[in-house]
Amino acid sequence: MRFTESGEESEDITFLYQVGEGVAHRSYGLNVAKLANVPRTVLEVAAIKSKEMEEEAGRKRLESLARMLSGLSQKEAAQGDALEQLVAGIEQL
């Protein structure tokens, strides 16, 4: 669904009720809940949990990427230490 963002940190969302191409890069569930007049205390707890879940998903994506790169560096050791250094840097994130 297409939308427009406004306000500080793009907090205010206006849904345009139009289908658009592509993938949403974040969840807008909290914005929908706000529009539905869900109590502020519930929204605050949900925002904390949402952030925790996004951070965990990001860590898992980085770990997966590091494993893939590690496999590449083992298969193609002729490329030198560059891949191994990249893997180590991602693992530190």
N, C-alpha and C. Protein backbone atom coordinates (compact mmCIF):
# COMPACT_ATOMS: atom_id res chain seq x y z
N MET A 1 0.84 -1.17 0.00
CA MET A 1 0.00 0.00 0.00
C MET A 1 0.89 1.24 0.00
N ARG A 2 0.51 2.20 -0.78
CA ARG A 2 1.28 3.45 -0.84
C ARG A 2 0.88 4.35 0.31
N PHE A 3 1.80 5.25 0.67
CA PHE A 3 1.57 6.15 1.79
C PHE A 3 2.46 7.37 1.65
N THR A 4 2.18 8.39 2.44
CA THR A 4 3.09 9.53 2.55
C THR A 4 3.49 9.66 4.01
N GLU A 5 4.68 10.17 4.24
CA GLU A 5 5.20 10.36 5.59
C GLU A 5 5.40 11.85 5.83
N SER A 6 5.17 12.27 7.08
CA SER A 6 5.43 13.66 7.45
C SER A 6 5.71 13.71 8.94
N GLY A 7 6.07 14.87 9.43
CA GLY A 7 6.34 15.03 10.85
C GLY A 7 7.75 14.65 11.20
N GLU A 8 8.07 14.80 12.50
CA GLU A 8 9.40 14.46 12.98
C GLU A 8 9.65 12.97 12.81
N GLU A 9 10.80 12.62 12.27
CA GLU A 9 11.19 11.23 12.06
C GLU A 9 10.12 10.45 11.31
N SER A 10 9.37 11.13 10.44
CA SER A 10 8.32 10.51 9.62
C SER A 10 7.32 9.72 10.47
N GLU A 11 6.93 10.29 11.60
CA GLU A 11 5.99 9.61 12.49
C GLU A 11 4.58 9.59 11.94
N ASP A 12 4.19 10.63 11.21
CA ASP A 12 2.82 10.73 10.72
C ASP A 12 2.71 10.09 9.34
N ILE A 13 1.85 9.10 9.24
CA ILE A 13 1.66 8.36 8.00
C ILE A 13 0.25 8.61 7.49
N THR A 14 0.14 8.87 6.20
CA THR A 14 -1.17 8.95 5.56
C THR A 14 -1.22 7.84 4.52
N PHE A 15 -2.11 6.88 4.73
CA PHE A 15 -2.26 5.78 3.79
C PHE A 15 -3.09 6.24 2.61
N LEU A 16 -2.62 5.97 1.40
CA LEU A 16 -3.24 6.49 0.19
C LEU A 16 -4.24 5.51 -0.44
N TYR A 17 -4.35 4.32 0.10
CA TYR A 17 -5.26 3.29 -0.41
C TYR A 17 -4.99 3.00 -1.89
N GLN A 18 -3.71 2.95 -2.22
CA GLN A 18 -3.26 2.59 -3.56
C GLN A 18 -2.23 1.48 -3.43
N VAL A 19 -2.30 0.53 -4.34
CA VAL A 19 -1.32 -0.54 -4.36
C VAL A 19 -0.12 -0.06 -5.16
N GLY A 20 1.08 -0.26 -4.62
CA GLY A 20 2.30 0.12 -5.32
C GLY A 20 3.25 -1.05 -5.40
N GLU A 21 4.21 -0.95 -6.29
CA GLU A 21 5.22 -2.00 -6.43
C GLU A 21 6.26 -1.87 -5.33
N GLY A 22 6.88 -2.99 -5.00
CA GLY A 22 7.99 -2.96 -4.06
C GLY A 22 7.66 -3.60 -2.73
N VAL A 23 8.63 -3.47 -1.83
CA VAL A 23 8.55 -4.07 -0.52
C VAL A 23 8.61 -2.98 0.54
N ALA A 24 7.81 -3.10 1.57
CA ALA A 24 7.89 -2.16 2.68
C ALA A 24 9.18 -2.43 3.44
N HIS A 25 9.91 -1.38 3.75
CA HIS A 25 11.20 -1.54 4.42
C HIS A 25 11.08 -1.52 5.93
N ARG A 26 9.87 -1.27 6.41
CA ARG A 26 9.63 -1.36 7.85
C ARG A 26 8.14 -1.59 8.06
N SER A 27 7.78 -1.92 9.28
CA SER A 27 6.39 -2.18 9.62
C SER A 27 5.68 -0.87 9.98
N TYR A 28 4.46 -0.76 9.56
CA TYR A 28 3.66 0.41 9.88
C TYR A 28 2.51 0.05 10.81
N GLY A 29 2.61 -1.10 11.48
CA GLY A 29 1.57 -1.55 12.39
C GLY A 29 1.31 -0.58 13.52
N LEU A 30 2.37 0.04 14.05
CA LEU A 30 2.18 1.01 15.14
C LEU A 30 1.42 2.25 14.65
N ASN A 31 1.67 2.65 13.41
CA ASN A 31 0.95 3.78 12.85
C ASN A 31 -0.54 3.44 12.70
N VAL A 32 -0.83 2.23 12.25
CA VAL A 32 -2.22 1.80 12.10
C VAL A 32 -2.88 1.73 13.47
N ALA A 33 -2.16 1.21 14.47
CA ALA A 33 -2.71 1.13 15.82
C ALA A 33 -3.01 2.52 16.37
N LYS A 34 -2.13 3.47 16.08
CA LYS A 34 -2.35 4.86 16.52
C LYS A 34 -3.61 5.44 15.88
N LEU A 35 -3.79 5.18 14.58
CA LEU A 35 -4.98 5.65 13.88
C LEU A 35 -6.25 5.00 14.44
N ALA A 36 -6.11 3.78 14.98
CA ALA A 36 -7.25 3.05 15.55
C ALA A 36 -7.49 3.43 17.00
N ASN A 37 -6.76 4.44 17.49
CA ASN A 37 -6.92 4.94 18.87
C ASN A 37 -6.59 3.89 19.94
N VAL A 38 -5.59 3.07 19.66
CA VAL A 38 -5.09 2.15 20.69
C VAL A 38 -4.46 3.00 21.79
N PRO A 39 -4.67 2.66 23.07
CA PRO A 39 -4.14 3.49 24.16
C PRO A 39 -2.62 3.70 24.06
N ARG A 40 -2.19 4.91 24.43
CA ARG A 40 -0.78 5.29 24.35
C ARG A 40 0.12 4.30 25.10
N THR A 41 -0.29 3.82 26.26
CA THR A 41 0.55 2.89 27.03
C THR A 41 0.80 1.61 26.24
N VAL A 42 -0.20 1.14 25.55
CA VAL A 42 -0.05 -0.06 24.72
C VAL A 42 0.91 0.23 23.56
N LEU A 43 0.76 1.40 22.94
CA LEU A 43 1.64 1.77 21.83
C LEU A 43 3.09 1.87 22.28
N GLU A 44 3.31 2.40 23.49
CA GLU A 44 4.68 2.54 23.99
C GLU A 44 5.33 1.17 24.19
N VAL A 45 4.60 0.24 24.78
CA VAL A 45 5.14 -1.11 24.98
C VAL A 45 5.37 -1.78 23.63
N ALA A 46 4.42 -1.62 22.72
CA ALA A 46 4.55 -2.22 21.40
C ALA A 46 5.75 -1.65 20.64
N ALA A 47 6.02 -0.35 20.80
CA ALA A 47 7.17 0.28 20.14
C ALA A 47 8.48 -0.31 20.65
N ILE A 48 8.55 -0.53 21.96
CA ILE A 48 9.76 -1.13 22.54
C ILE A 48 9.96 -2.54 22.00
N LYS A 49 8.90 -3.34 22.01
CA LYS A 49 8.99 -4.72 21.51
C LYS A 49 9.32 -4.75 20.02
N SER A 50 8.72 -3.84 19.26
CA SER A 50 8.99 -3.79 17.83
C SER A 50 10.47 -3.49 17.57
N LYS A 51 11.02 -2.54 18.31
CA LYS A 51 12.43 -2.20 18.14
C LYS A 51 13.32 -3.39 18.51
N GLU A 52 12.99 -4.08 19.60
CA GLU A 52 13.76 -5.26 20.00
C GLU A 52 13.73 -6.32 18.90
N MET A 53 12.55 -6.55 18.33
CA MET A 53 12.42 -7.56 17.27
C MET A 53 13.19 -7.16 16.02
N GLU A 54 13.14 -5.88 15.65
CA GLU A 54 13.88 -5.40 14.48
C GLU A 54 15.38 -5.56 14.68
N GLU A 55 15.87 -5.26 15.89
CA GLU A 55 17.30 -5.40 16.17
C GLU A 55 17.72 -6.86 16.11
N GLU A 56 16.90 -7.75 16.66
CA GLU A 56 17.21 -9.18 16.63
C GLU A 56 17.23 -9.70 15.19
N ALA A 57 16.25 -9.27 14.39
CA ALA A 57 16.21 -9.68 12.98
C ALA A 57 17.45 -9.17 12.25
N GLY A 58 17.88 -7.96 12.54
CA GLY A 58 19.09 -7.41 11.93
C GLY A 58 20.32 -8.20 12.30
N ARG A 59 20.42 -8.57 13.58
CA ARG A 59 21.56 -9.39 14.01
C ARG A 59 21.57 -10.74 13.29
N LYS A 60 20.40 -11.35 13.17
CA LYS A 60 20.33 -12.65 12.48
C LYS A 60 20.72 -12.52 11.02
N ARG A 61 20.29 -11.43 10.37
CA ARG A 61 20.68 -11.23 8.96
C ARG A 61 22.19 -11.08 8.83
N LEU A 62 22.80 -10.31 9.75
CA LEU A 62 24.25 -10.12 9.71
C LEU A 62 24.98 -11.43 9.97
N GLU A 63 24.50 -12.21 10.93
CA GLU A 63 25.13 -13.50 11.21
C GLU A 63 25.05 -14.42 10.01
N SER A 64 23.90 -14.43 9.36
CA SER A 64 23.73 -15.26 8.17
C SER A 64 24.67 -14.82 7.06
N LEU A 65 24.76 -13.51 6.86
CA LEU A 65 25.67 -12.97 5.85
C LEU A 65 27.12 -13.33 6.18
N ALA A 66 27.47 -13.25 7.44
CA ALA A 66 28.84 -13.59 7.85
C ALA A 66 29.14 -15.05 7.56
N ARG A 67 28.15 -15.93 7.83
CA ARG A 67 28.35 -17.36 7.55
C ARG A 67 28.53 -17.60 6.05
N MET A 68 27.71 -16.91 5.24
CA MET A 68 27.83 -17.08 3.80
C MET A 68 29.19 -16.61 3.32
N LEU A 69 29.63 -15.46 3.80
CA LEU A 69 30.93 -14.93 3.39
C LEU A 69 32.06 -15.81 3.87
N SER A 70 31.89 -16.37 5.05
CA SER A 70 32.91 -17.28 5.58
C SER A 70 33.05 -18.49 4.67
N GLY A 71 31.94 -19.03 4.21
CA GLY A 71 31.97 -20.16 3.29
C GLY A 71 32.65 -19.79 1.99
N LEU A 72 32.40 -18.59 1.50
CA LEU A 72 33.06 -18.14 0.28
C LEU A 72 34.55 -18.01 0.48
N SER A 73 34.94 -17.46 1.64
CA SER A 73 36.37 -17.24 1.86
C SER A 73 37.10 -18.57 1.98
N GLN A 74 36.44 -19.59 2.49
CA GLN A 74 37.08 -20.90 2.60
C GLN A 74 37.22 -21.54 1.23
N LYS A 75 36.20 -21.35 0.38
CA LYS A 75 36.23 -21.95 -0.96
C LYS A 75 37.20 -21.24 -1.88
N GLU A 76 37.34 -19.94 -1.67
CA GLU A 76 38.16 -19.16 -2.60
C GLU A 76 39.28 -18.45 -1.84
N ALA A 77 40.09 -19.24 -1.14
CA ALA A 77 41.16 -18.69 -0.33
C ALA A 77 42.20 -17.94 -1.16
N ALA A 78 42.20 -18.19 -2.45
CA ALA A 78 43.17 -17.53 -3.32
C ALA A 78 42.94 -16.02 -3.38
N GLN A 79 41.79 -15.56 -2.97
CA GLN A 79 41.50 -14.13 -3.02
C GLN A 79 42.16 -13.38 -1.88
N GLY A 80 42.83 -14.07 -1.01
CA GLY A 80 43.55 -13.40 0.07
C GLY A 80 42.72 -13.19 1.31
N ASP A 81 43.20 -12.31 2.16
CA ASP A 81 42.59 -12.09 3.47
C ASP A 81 41.41 -11.11 3.43
N ALA A 82 41.13 -10.51 2.31
CA ALA A 82 40.09 -9.48 2.24
C ALA A 82 38.73 -10.00 2.70
N LEU A 83 38.34 -11.16 2.21
CA LEU A 83 37.05 -11.72 2.61
C LEU A 83 37.02 -12.06 4.09
N GLU A 84 38.11 -12.61 4.59
CA GLU A 84 38.16 -12.97 6.01
C GLU A 84 38.06 -11.73 6.90
N GLN A 85 38.69 -10.66 6.48
CA GLN A 85 38.58 -9.42 7.24
C GLN A 85 37.16 -8.85 7.20
N LEU A 86 36.52 -8.99 6.06
CA LEU A 86 35.14 -8.56 5.93
C LEU A 86 34.23 -9.37 6.85
N VAL A 87 34.42 -10.66 6.87
CA VAL A 87 33.63 -11.53 7.75
C VAL A 87 33.84 -11.15 9.20
N ALA A 88 35.08 -10.94 9.60
CA ALA A 88 35.37 -10.57 10.99
C ALA A 88 34.71 -9.24 11.35
N GLY A 89 34.72 -8.30 10.43
CA GLY A 89 34.09 -7.01 10.69
C GLY A 89 32.59 -7.12 10.85
N ILE A 90 31.95 -7.95 10.01
CA ILE A 90 30.51 -8.15 10.13
C ILE A 90 30.17 -8.84 11.43
N GLU A 91 30.98 -9.82 11.83
CA GLU A 91 30.72 -10.53 13.08
C GLU A 91 30.81 -9.59 14.28
N GLN A 92 31.65 -8.60 14.21
CA GLN A 92 31.78 -7.64 15.31
C GLN A 92 30.56 -6.73 15.42
N LEU A 93 29.86 -6.52 14.29
CA LEU A 93 28.65 -5.70 14.32
C LEU A 93 27.61 -6.35 15.19
